[in-house]
C-alpha atoms as a PDB file:
ATOM      1  CA  UNK A   1     108.350  -3.544 241.351  1.00  0.00           C
ATOM      2  CA  UNK A   2     111.815  -5.100 241.569  1.00  0.00           C
ATOM      3  CA  UNK A   3     111.469  -6.531 238.048  1.00  0.00           C
ATOM      4  CA  UNK A   4     110.544  -3.096 236.643  1.00  0.00           C
ATOM      5  CA  UNK A   5     113.554  -1.503 238.422  1.00  0.00           C
ATOM      6  CA  UNK A   6     115.860  -4.190 237.182  1.00  0.00           C
ATOM      7  CA  UNK A   7     114.623  -3.685 233.596  1.00  0.00           C
ATOM      8  CA  UNK A   8     115.113   0.076 233.871  1.00  0.00           C
ATOM      9  CA  UNK A   9     118.627  -0.296 235.226  1.00  0.00           C
ATOM     10  CA  UNK A  10     119.491  -2.774 232.474  1.00  0.00           C
ATOM     11  CA  UNK A  11     118.250  -0.309 229.888  1.00  0.00           C
ATOM     12  CA  UNK A  12     120.322   2.490 231.414  1.00  0.00           C
ATOM     13  CA  UNK A  13     123.377   0.241 231.402  1.00  0.00           C
ATOM     14  CA  UNK A  14     122.909  -0.794 227.749  1.00  0.00           C
ATOM     15  CA  UNK A  15     122.355   2.852 226.753  1.00  0.00           C
ATOM     16  CA  UNK A  16     125.460   3.988 228.601  1.00  0.00           C
ATOM     17  CA  UNK A  17     127.586   1.232 227.061  1.00  0.00           C
ATOM     18  CA  UNK A  18     126.258   1.906 223.556  1.00  0.00           C
ATOM     19  CA  UNK A  19     126.964   5.604 223.930  1.00  0.00           C
ATOM     20  CA  UNK A  20     130.493   4.980 225.121  1.00  0.00           C
ATOM     21  CA  UNK A  21     131.181   2.504 222.285  1.00  0.00           C
ATOM     22  CA  UNK A  22     129.758   4.847 219.691  1.00  0.00           C
ATOM     23  CA  UNK A  23     132.013   7.714 220.798  1.00  0.00           C
ATOM     24  CA  UNK A  24     135.109   5.502 220.930  1.00  0.00           C
ATOM     25  CA  UNK A  25     134.555   3.490 217.727  1.00  0.00           C
ATOM     26  CA  UNK A  26     133.177   6.076 215.287  1.00  0.00           C
ATOM     27  CA  UNK A  27     136.648   7.356 214.302  1.00  0.00           C
ATOM     28  CA  UNK A  28     138.302   3.905 213.969  1.00  0.00           C
ATOM     29  CA  UNK A  29     135.267   2.802 211.918  1.00  0.00           C
ATOM     30  CA  UNK A  30     135.671   5.757 209.561  1.00  0.00           C
ATOM     31  CA  UNK A  31     139.404   5.126 209.211  1.00  0.00           C
ATOM     32  CA  UNK A  32     138.942   1.402 208.412  1.00  0.00           C
ATOM     33  CA  UNK A  33     136.088   2.158 206.011  1.00  0.00           C
ATOM     34  CA  UNK A  34     138.135   4.823 204.193  1.00  0.00           C
ATOM     35  CA  UNK A  35     141.347   2.834 203.935  1.00  0.00           C
ATOM     36  CA  UNK A  36     140.055  -0.667 203.204  1.00  0.00           C
ATOM     37  CA  UNK A  37     136.479  -0.506 201.938  1.00  0.00           C
ATOM     38  CA  UNK A  38     136.385   2.571 199.675  1.00  0.00           C
ATOM     39  CA  UNK A  39     136.466   2.249 195.922  1.00  0.00           C
ATOM     40  CA  UNK A  40     139.021   5.048 195.743  1.00  0.00           C
ATOM     41  CA  UNK A  41     141.101   6.925 198.309  1.00  0.00           C
ATOM     42  CA  UNK A  42     142.117  10.305 196.894  1.00  0.00           C
ATOM     43  CA  UNK A  43     145.468  11.747 197.853  1.00  0.00           C
ATOM     44  CA  UNK A  44     145.535  14.647 200.235  1.00  0.00           C
ATOM     45  CA  UNK A  45     146.322  16.976 197.356  1.00  0.00           C
ATOM     46  CA  UNK A  46     143.449  15.549 195.279  1.00  0.00           C
ATOM     47  CA  UNK A  47     141.029  15.850 198.142  1.00  0.00           C
ATOM     48  CA  UNK A  48     141.839  19.382 199.343  1.00  0.00           C
ATOM     49  CA  UNK A  49     144.217  21.235 197.047  1.00  0.00           C
ATOM     50  CA  UNK A  50     147.913  22.078 196.853  1.00  0.00           C
ATOM     51  CA  UNK A  51     148.509  24.864 199.446  1.00  0.00           C
ATOM     52  CA  UNK A  52     148.548  24.567 203.264  1.00  0.00           C
ATOM     53  CA  UNK A  53     149.272  27.016 206.065  1.00  0.00           C
ATOM     54  CA  UNK A  54     150.641  25.770 209.365  1.00  0.00           C
ATOM     55  CA  UNK A  55     150.949  27.922 212.487  1.00  0.00           C
ATOM     56  CA  UNK A  56     153.555  27.117 215.142  1.00  0.00           C
ATOM     57  CA  UNK A  57     155.605  25.640 212.304  1.00  0.00           C
ATOM     58  CA  UNK A  58     159.003  26.312 213.794  1.00  0.00           C
ATOM     59  CA  UNK A  59     158.957  23.407 216.345  1.00  0.00           C
ATOM     60  CA  UNK A  60     157.337  20.190 217.401  1.00  0.00           C
ATOM     61  CA  UNK A  61     154.088  19.004 215.871  1.00  0.00           C
ATOM     62  CA  UNK A  62     153.728  22.072 213.648  1.00  0.00           C
ATOM     63  CA  UNK A  63     157.116  21.593 212.070  1.00  0.00           C
ATOM     64  CA  UNK A  64     156.625  17.869 211.500  1.00  0.00           C
ATOM     65  CA  UNK A  65     153.095  18.424 210.201  1.00  0.00           C
ATOM     66  CA  UNK A  66     154.451  20.835 207.595  1.00  0.00           C
ATOM     67  CA  UNK A  67     157.074  18.308 206.579  1.00  0.00           C
ATOM     68  CA  UNK A  68     154.464  15.562 206.319  1.00  0.00           C
ATOM     69  CA  UNK A  69     152.324  17.788 204.082  1.00  0.00           C
ATOM     70  CA  UNK A  70     155.382  18.535 201.866  1.00  0.00           C
ATOM     71  CA  UNK A  71     155.902  14.770 201.457  1.00  0.00           C
ATOM     72  CA  UNK A  72     152.352  14.728 200.052  1.00  0.00           C
ATOM     73  CA  UNK A  73     153.499  17.270 197.438  1.00  0.00           C
ATOM     74  CA  UNK A  74     151.589  20.140 199.067  1.00  0.00           C
ATOM     75  CA  UNK A  75     153.086  23.615 199.132  1.00  0.00           C
ATOM     76  CA  UNK A  76     153.406  25.071 202.601  1.00  0.00           C
ATOM     77  CA  UNK A  77     153.124  28.487 204.268  1.00  0.00           C
ATOM     78  CA  UNK A  78     155.098  28.313 207.493  1.00  0.00           C
ATOM     79  CA  UNK A  79     153.794  30.649 210.186  1.00  0.00           C
ATOM     80  CA  UNK A  80     155.550  31.362 213.476  1.00  0.00           C
ATOM     81  CA  UNK A  81     157.291  34.199 215.315  1.00  0.00           C
ATOM     82  CA  UNK A  82     160.961  33.004 215.001  1.00  0.00           C
ATOM     83  CA  UNK A  83     162.313  33.776 211.550  1.00  0.00           C
ATOM     84  CA  UNK A  84     165.581  31.947 212.063  1.00  0.00           C
ATOM     85  CA  UNK A  85     163.817  28.720 213.029  1.00  0.00           C
ATOM     86  CA  UNK A  86     161.388  29.051 210.131  1.00  0.00           C
ATOM     87  CA  UNK A  87     164.231  29.479 207.691  1.00  0.00           C
ATOM     88  CA  UNK A  88     165.809  26.283 209.075  1.00  0.00           C
ATOM     89  CA  UNK A  89     162.509  24.367 208.624  1.00  0.00           C
ATOM     90  CA  UNK A  90     162.167  25.675 205.085  1.00  0.00           C
ATOM     91  CA  UNK A  91     165.705  24.478 204.244  1.00  0.00           C
ATOM     92  CA  UNK A  92     164.922  21.084 205.773  1.00  0.00           C
ATOM     93  CA  UNK A  93     161.786  20.720 203.629  1.00  0.00           C
ATOM     94  CA  UNK A  94     163.671  21.874 200.504  1.00  0.00           C
ATOM     95  CA  UNK A  95     166.256  19.162 201.127  1.00  0.00           C
ATOM     96  CA  UNK A  96     163.718  16.355 200.417  1.00  0.00           C
ATOM     97  CA  UNK A  97     160.907  18.071 198.495  1.00  0.00           C
ATOM     98  CA  UNK A  98     160.389  20.344 195.548  1.00  0.00           C
ATOM     99  CA  UNK A  99     157.289  22.084 196.927  1.00  0.00           C
ATOM    100  CA  UNK A 100     156.923  25.847 197.202  1.00  0.00           C
ATOM    101  CA  UNK A 101     157.476  27.327 200.631  1.00  0.00           C
ATOM    102  CA  UNK A 102     156.526  30.761 202.040  1.00  0.00           C
ATOM    103  CA  UNK A 103     157.502  32.098 205.443  1.00  0.00           C
ATOM    104  CA  UNK A 104     155.247  34.414 207.389  1.00  0.00           C
ATOM    105  CA  UNK A 105     156.573  35.928 210.619  1.00  0.00           C
ATOM    106  CA  UNK A 106     153.660  36.294 213.072  1.00  0.00           C
ATOM    107  CA  UNK A 107     153.604  36.725 216.827  1.00  0.00           C
ATOM    108  CA  UNK A 108     150.085  36.061 218.108  1.00  0.00           C
ATOM    109  CA  UNK A 109     150.779  37.918 221.321  1.00  0.00           C
ATOM    110  CA  UNK A 110     151.101  41.271 219.496  1.00  0.00           C
ATOM    111  CA  UNK A 111     147.467  42.089 218.971  1.00  0.00           C
ATOM    112  CA  UNK A 112     144.911  42.050 216.163  1.00  0.00           C
ATOM    113  CA  UNK A 113     147.230  43.511 213.550  1.00  0.00           C
ATOM    114  CA  UNK A 114     148.933  40.127 213.198  1.00  0.00           C
ATOM    115  CA  UNK A 115     145.849  38.753 211.467  1.00  0.00           C
ATOM    116  CA  UNK A 116     145.761  41.581 208.963  1.00  0.00           C
ATOM    117  CA  UNK A 117     149.417  40.811 208.341  1.00  0.00           C
ATOM    118  CA  UNK A 118     148.777  37.093 207.716  1.00  0.00           C
ATOM    119  CA  UNK A 119     145.817  37.912 205.476  1.00  0.00           C
ATOM    120  CA  UNK A 120     147.903  40.307 203.431  1.00  0.00           C
ATOM    121  CA  UNK A 121     150.899  38.012 203.181  1.00  0.00           C
ATOM    122  CA  UNK A 122     148.774  35.059 201.985  1.00  0.00           C
ATOM    123  CA  UNK A 123     146.202  36.993 199.948  1.00  0.00           C
ATOM    124  CA  UNK A 124     147.441  35.682 196.569  1.00  0.00           C
ATOM    125  CA  UNK A 125     147.881  32.104 197.765  1.00  0.00           C
ATOM    126  CA  UNK A 126     144.928  29.668 197.381  1.00  0.00           C
ATOM    127  CA  UNK A 127     145.328  28.117 200.814  1.00  0.00           C
ATOM    128  CA  UNK A 128     143.090  25.054 201.047  1.00  0.00           C
ATOM    129  CA  UNK A 129     144.382  23.532 204.280  1.00  0.00           C
ATOM    130  CA  UNK A 130     144.766  25.549 207.499  1.00  0.00           C
ATOM    131  CA  UNK A 131     146.459  23.915 210.474  1.00  0.00           C
ATOM    132  CA  UNK A 132     145.969  25.897 213.682  1.00  0.00           C
ATOM    133  CA  UNK A 133     148.734  24.333 215.747  1.00  0.00           C
ATOM    134  CA  UNK A 134     150.349  27.245 217.642  1.00  0.00           C
ATOM    135  CA  UNK A 135     150.072  26.862 221.368  1.00  0.00           C
ATOM    136  CA  UNK A 136     151.873  27.557 224.611  1.00  0.00           C
ATOM    137  CA  UNK A 137     151.489  26.369 228.161  1.00  0.00           C
ATOM    138  CA  UNK A 138     153.433  25.227 231.219  1.00  0.00           C
ATOM    139  CA  UNK A 139     151.917  23.106 234.040  1.00  0.00           C
ATOM    140  CA  UNK A 140     151.876  25.185 237.202  1.00  0.00           C
ATOM    141  CA  UNK A 141     149.453  26.725 239.670  1.00  0.00           C
ATOM    142  CA  UNK A 142     147.358  29.649 238.575  1.00  0.00           C
ATOM    143  CA  UNK A 143     149.003  31.533 241.470  1.00  0.00           C
ATOM    144  CA  UNK A 144     152.272  31.480 239.567  1.00  0.00           C
ATOM    145  CA  UNK A 145     150.980  32.954 236.353  1.00  0.00           C
ATOM    146  CA  UNK A 146     151.669  36.647 235.737  1.00  0.00           C
ATOM    147  CA  UNK A 147     149.168  38.928 234.034  1.00  0.00           C
ATOM    148  CA  UNK A 148     151.422  39.128 230.989  1.00  0.00           C
ATOM    149  CA  UNK A 149     151.941  35.398 230.702  1.00  0.00           C
ATOM    150  CA  UNK A 150     148.213  34.725 231.142  1.00  0.00           C
ATOM    151  CA  UNK A 151     147.376  37.152 228.326  1.00  0.00           C
ATOM    152  CA  UNK A 152     149.990  35.623 226.029  1.00  0.00           C
ATOM    153  CA  UNK A 153     148.516  32.154 226.538  1.00  0.00           C
ATOM    154  CA  UNK A 154     144.996  33.399 225.756  1.00  0.00           C
ATOM    155  CA  UNK A 155     146.207  35.355 222.690  1.00  0.00           C
ATOM    156  CA  UNK A 156     148.049  32.312 221.352  1.00  0.00           C
ATOM    157  CA  UNK A 157     145.761  29.432 222.310  1.00  0.00           C
ATOM    158  CA  UNK A 158     142.317  31.024 222.135  1.00  0.00           C
ATOM    159  CA  UNK A 159     142.400  34.246 220.059  1.00  0.00           C
ATOM    160  CA  UNK A 160     144.603  32.873 217.279  1.00  0.00           C
ATOM    161  CA  UNK A 161     142.546  29.723 216.602  1.00  0.00           C
ATOM    162  CA  UNK A 162     139.377  31.844 216.620  1.00  0.00           C
ATOM    163  CA  UNK A 163     140.616  34.579 214.292  1.00  0.00           C
ATOM    164  CA  UNK A 164     142.371  32.291 211.809  1.00  0.00           C
ATOM    165  CA  UNK A 165     139.473  29.832 211.694  1.00  0.00           C
ATOM    166  CA  UNK A 166     137.142  32.752 210.929  1.00  0.00           C
ATOM    167  CA  UNK A 167     139.473  34.323 208.364  1.00  0.00           C
ATOM    168  CA  UNK A 168     140.165  31.154 206.366  1.00  0.00           C
ATOM    169  CA  UNK A 169     136.626  29.840 206.606  1.00  0.00           C
ATOM    170  CA  UNK A 170     135.456  33.137 205.046  1.00  0.00           C
ATOM    171  CA  UNK A 171     138.191  32.958 202.380  1.00  0.00           C
ATOM    172  CA  UNK A 172     137.543  29.345 201.414  1.00  0.00           C
ATOM    173  CA  UNK A 173     133.777  29.939 201.183  1.00  0.00           C
ATOM    174  CA  UNK A 174     134.250  33.103 199.077  1.00  0.00           C
ATOM    175  CA  UNK A 175     136.647  31.317 196.732  1.00  0.00           C
ATOM    176  CA  UNK A 176     134.540  28.100 196.696  1.00  0.00           C
ATOM    177  CA  UNK A 177     137.612  26.120 197.933  1.00  0.00           C
ATOM    178  CA  UNK A 178     136.589  22.730 199.338  1.00  0.00           C
ATOM    179  CA  UNK A 179     139.435  22.714 201.772  1.00  0.00           C
ATOM    180  CA  UNK A 180     140.121  21.768 205.393  1.00  0.00           C
ATOM    181  CA  UNK A 181     140.626  23.566 208.713  1.00  0.00           C
ATOM    182  CA  UNK A 182     142.519  21.537 211.280  1.00  0.00           C
ATOM    183  CA  UNK A 183     142.586  22.717 214.885  1.00  0.00           C
ATOM    184  CA  UNK A 184     144.969  21.130 217.332  1.00  0.00           C
ATOM    185  CA  UNK A 185     143.477  20.463 220.723  1.00  0.00           C
ATOM    186  CA  UNK A 186     144.840  18.285 223.517  1.00  0.00           C
ATOM    187  CA  UNK A 187     143.782  15.282 225.615  1.00  0.00           C
ATOM    188  CA  UNK A 188     143.604  17.768 228.483  1.00  0.00           C
ATOM    189  CA  UNK A 189     140.479  19.341 226.926  1.00  0.00           C
ATOM    190  CA  UNK A 190     138.269  16.530 228.211  1.00  0.00           C
ATOM    191  CA  UNK A 191     138.379  17.484 231.896  1.00  0.00           C
ATOM    192  CA  UNK A 192     139.539  20.368 234.122  1.00  0.00           C
ATOM    193  CA  UNK A 193     143.251  20.051 234.980  1.00  0.00           C
ATOM    194  CA  UNK A 194     144.423  21.452 238.285  1.00  0.00           C
ATOM    195  CA  UNK A 195     147.937  22.912 237.943  1.00  0.00           C
ATOM    196  CA  UNK A 196     147.446  23.075 234.167  1.00  0.00           C
ATOM    197  CA  UNK A 197     144.153  24.940 234.328  1.00  0.00           C
ATOM    198  CA  UNK A 198     144.812  27.665 231.722  1.00  0.00           C
ATOM    199  CA  UNK A 199     146.156  25.334 229.042  1.00  0.00           C
ATOM    200  CA  UNK A 200     143.377  22.735 229.503  1.00  0.00           C
ATOM    201  CA  UNK A 201     140.708  25.423 229.504  1.00  0.00           C
ATOM    202  CA  UNK A 202     142.124  26.949 226.296  1.00  0.00           C
ATOM    203  CA  UNK A 203     142.011  23.539 224.629  1.00  0.00           C
ATOM    204  CA  UNK A 204     138.425  22.926 225.857  1.00  0.00           C
ATOM    205  CA  UNK A 205     137.612  26.172 224.026  1.00  0.00           C
ATOM    206  CA  UNK A 206     139.321  24.880 220.897  1.00  0.00           C
ATOM    207  CA  UNK A 207     137.318  21.664 221.113  1.00  0.00           C
ATOM    208  CA  UNK A 208     133.981  23.459 221.397  1.00  0.00           C
ATOM    209  CA  UNK A 209     134.795  25.929 218.614  1.00  0.00           C
ATOM    210  CA  UNK A 210     136.033  23.241 216.215  1.00  0.00           C
ATOM    211  CA  UNK A 211     133.174  20.815 216.676  1.00  0.00           C
ATOM    212  CA  UNK A 212     130.671  23.649 216.148  1.00  0.00           C
ATOM    213  CA  UNK A 213     132.537  24.941 213.096  1.00  0.00           C
ATOM    214  CA  UNK A 214     132.482  21.463 211.568  1.00  0.00           C
ATOM    215  CA  UNK A 215     128.732  21.752 211.137  1.00  0.00           C
ATOM    216  CA  UNK A 216     128.883  25.353 209.868  1.00  0.00           C
ATOM    217  CA  UNK A 217     131.474  24.591 207.251  1.00  0.00           C
ATOM    218  CA  UNK A 218     130.217  21.220 206.018  1.00  0.00           C
ATOM    219  CA  UNK A 219     127.484  22.638 203.716  1.00  0.00           C
ATOM    220  CA  UNK A 220     130.198  24.491 201.810  1.00  0.00           C
ATOM    221  CA  UNK A 221     132.328  21.393 201.278  1.00  0.00           C
ATOM    222  CA  UNK A 222     134.925  22.569 203.842  1.00  0.00           C
ATOM    223  CA  UNK A 223     136.087  19.851 206.191  1.00  0.00           C
ATOM    224  CA  UNK A 224     136.857  20.835 209.806  1.00  0.00           C
ATOM    225  CA  UNK A 225     138.894  18.470 211.934  1.00  0.00           C
ATOM    226  CA  UNK A 226     139.840  18.445 215.591  1.00  0.00           C
ATOM    227  CA  UNK A 227     142.954  16.522 216.564  1.00  0.00           C
ATOM    228  CA  UNK A 228     143.606  16.012 220.270  1.00  0.00           C
ATOM    229  CA  UNK A 229     147.006  14.554 221.026  1.00  0.00           C
ATOM    230  CA  UNK A 230     147.975  13.204 224.362  1.00  0.00           C
ATOM    231  CA  UNK A 231     151.649  13.457 225.338  1.00  0.00           C
ATOM    232  CA  UNK A 232     154.077  13.889 222.413  1.00  0.00           C
ATOM    233  CA  UNK A 233     157.832  14.427 222.628  1.00  0.00           C
ATOM    234  CA  UNK A 234     157.829  18.139 221.994  1.00  0.00           C
ATOM    235  CA  UNK A 235     159.277  21.291 223.631  1.00  0.00           C
ATOM    236  CA  UNK A 236     155.936  22.086 225.357  1.00  0.00           C
ATOM    237  CA  UNK A 237     156.470  18.897 227.424  1.00  0.00           C
ATOM    238  CA  UNK A 238     160.090  19.540 228.232  1.00  0.00           C
ATOM    239  CA  UNK A 239     159.139  20.179 231.893  1.00  0.00           C
ATOM    240  CA  UNK A 240     159.104  16.350 232.276  1.00  0.00           C
ATOM    241  CA  UNK A 241     162.155  14.194 231.646  1.00  0.00           C
ATOM    242  CA  UNK A 242     159.924  11.119 231.695  1.00  0.00           C
ATOM    243  CA  UNK A 243     157.707  12.394 228.913  1.00  0.00           C
ATOM    244  CA  UNK A 244     160.707  13.488 226.825  1.00  0.00           C
ATOM    245  CA  UNK A 245     161.987   9.871 226.875  1.00  0.00           C
ATOM    246  CA  UNK A 246     159.042   8.861 224.654  1.00  0.00           C
ATOM    247  CA  UNK A 247     157.467   5.454 224.412  1.00  0.00           C
ATOM    248  CA  UNK A 248     154.570   3.522 222.933  1.00  0.00           C
ATOM    249  CA  UNK A 249     152.023   6.050 224.138  1.00  0.00           C
ATOM    250  CA  UNK A 250     154.351   9.063 223.759  1.00  0.00           C
ATOM    251  CA  UNK A 251     155.381   9.264 220.108  1.00  0.00           C
ATOM    252  CA  UNK A 252     157.904  11.591 218.506  1.00  0.00           C
ATOM    253  CA  UNK A 253     156.488  14.696 216.855  1.00  0.00           C
ATOM    254  CA  UNK A 254     157.380  13.198 213.469  1.00  0.00           C
ATOM    255  CA  UNK A 255     155.477   9.917 214.099  1.00  0.00           C
ATOM    256  CA  UNK A 256     152.506  11.759 215.516  1.00  0.00           C
ATOM    257  CA  UNK A 257     152.298  14.298 212.662  1.00  0.00           C
ATOM    258  CA  UNK A 258     152.524  11.632 209.935  1.00  0.00           C
ATOM    259  CA  UNK A 259     149.680   9.729 211.529  1.00  0.00           C
ATOM    260  CA  UNK A 260     147.584  12.916 211.914  1.00  0.00           C
ATOM    261  CA  UNK A 261     148.134  13.906 208.255  1.00  0.00           C
ATOM    262  CA  UNK A 262     147.039  10.406 207.173  1.00  0.00           C
ATOM    263  CA  UNK A 263     143.858  10.816 209.189  1.00  0.00           C
ATOM    264  CA  UNK A 264     143.153  14.167 207.534  1.00  0.00           C
ATOM    265  CA  UNK A 265     143.343  12.353 204.215  1.00  0.00           C
ATOM    266  CA  UNK A 266     140.650   9.968 205.546  1.00  0.00           C
ATOM    267  CA  UNK A 267     138.419  12.948 206.460  1.00  0.00           C
ATOM    268  CA  UNK A 268     137.753  11.966 210.029  1.00  0.00           C
ATOM    269  CA  UNK A 269     136.353  14.903 211.971  1.00  0.00           C
ATOM    270  CA  UNK A 270     137.372  14.276 215.568  1.00  0.00           C
ATOM    271  CA  UNK A 271     140.406  12.200 216.489  1.00  0.00           C
ATOM    272  CA  UNK A 272     143.395  11.888 218.772  1.00  0.00           C
ATOM    273  CA  UNK A 273     145.449  11.645 215.580  1.00  0.00           C
ATOM    274  CA  UNK A 274     147.381   8.605 216.698  1.00  0.00           C
ATOM    275  CA  UNK A 275     146.349   4.957 217.293  1.00  0.00           C
ATOM    276  CA  UNK A 276     147.846   4.529 220.745  1.00  0.00           C
ATOM    277  CA  UNK A 277     146.450   7.874 221.895  1.00  0.00           C
ATOM    278  CA  UNK A 278     143.031   6.629 220.721  1.00  0.00           C
ATOM    279  CA  UNK A 279     143.405   3.562 222.915  1.00  0.00           C
ATOM    280  CA  UNK A 280     144.647   5.637 225.813  1.00  0.00           C
ATOM    281  CA  UNK A 281     141.726   7.980 225.399  1.00  0.00           C
ATOM    282  CA  UNK A 282     139.225   5.117 225.291  1.00  0.00           C
ATOM    283  CA  UNK A 283     140.533   3.770 228.592  1.00  0.00           C
ATOM    284  CA  UNK A 284     140.676   7.211 230.233  1.00  0.00           C
ATOM    285  CA  UNK A 285     137.164   8.311 229.258  1.00  0.00           C
ATOM    286  CA  UNK A 286     135.721   5.117 230.739  1.00  0.00           C
ATOM    287  CA  UNK A 287     136.331   6.960 234.008  1.00  0.00           C
ATOM    288  CA  UNK A 288     134.209   9.968 235.071  1.00  0.00           C
ATOM    289  CA  UNK A 289     135.633  13.422 234.417  1.00  0.00           C
ATOM    290  CA  UNK A 290     135.890  13.936 238.180  1.00  0.00           C
ATOM    291  CA  UNK A 291     138.182  10.898 238.489  1.00  0.00           C
ATOM    292  CA  UNK A 292     140.263  12.104 235.510  1.00  0.00           C
ATOM    293  CA  UNK A 293     140.522  15.558 237.119  1.00  0.00           C
ATOM    294  CA  UNK A 294     141.800  13.983 240.352  1.00  0.00           C
ATOM    295  CA  UNK A 295     144.348  11.903 238.394  1.00  0.00           C
ATOM    296  CA  UNK A 296     145.484  15.078 236.643  1.00  0.00           C
ATOM    297  CA  UNK A 297     145.796  16.827 240.000  1.00  0.00           C
ATOM    298  CA  UNK A 298     148.023  14.100 241.357  1.00  0.00           C
ATOM    299  CA  UNK A 299     150.095  14.000 238.192  1.00  0.00           C
ATOM    300  CA  UNK A 300     150.810  17.709 237.941  1.00  0.00           C
ATOM    301  CA  UNK A 301     151.025  18.302 241.682  1.00  0.00           C
ATOM    302  CA  UNK A 302     154.107  16.101 241.634  1.00  0.00           C
ATOM    303  CA  UNK A 303     155.553  18.211 238.810  1.00  0.00           C
ATOM    304  CA  UNK A 304     155.182  21.369 240.774  1.00  0.00           C
END
């Protein structure tokens, strides 16, 4: 009896370890295989095409992602709500690159007409890479959120990624474009986050949507990628002076975006987008989601 129980527990332990290692090593394995053991490694432009659209392109990861694409000689549609900031980003890209740039002013909190506007403004552009990066959120208790602010977060973080993924998936399929849809999640998507509940929940939605869409789009040659950064030095984290100092596990937006673009070139489907975030994620997910939720509670309770 004891021997049978011991064998069963050993089997469970081996299975659990194998499952954990598979989840943590599948992306590094694909990266190493693509970069060092492939006969050819096409450029991003050769793999997907020469036009990309990036939402939330006026600041942070979105801005730096657009710049990293331009360095790959890919034309960029910059989408955000602040025209002045977008013009500044366009000038910055023009200073080091000869790519074509188009600006589309779009506020995702203004209702469904914004998607008709984006569709119309980009109708004659063969966009082959969509980067759904736009997102808002501030760590605080749900008690402190107003009805208006809650709706804005849902419109920006949930509705926009849904509508734009749908729109460009349909367009790429119809035009037989073998492109890519990149949706930006967050490390917070992996567990509930007290005092950051709305943001984490919105990113959990993005995760589920993106991983499902990957399988829907794959038969049409369209690659769907989820990138889930941990802390990055961006405006969305400006609530914390410690985070804004940066560090080994907290890269600048430029360093993060360059790494993420390189991983799109390698066609990985689910990634943190950054080596040290991958390591951080591997350590964190060795703990149960309940433990991670408690750690998040302690972290953000101090911030509030």
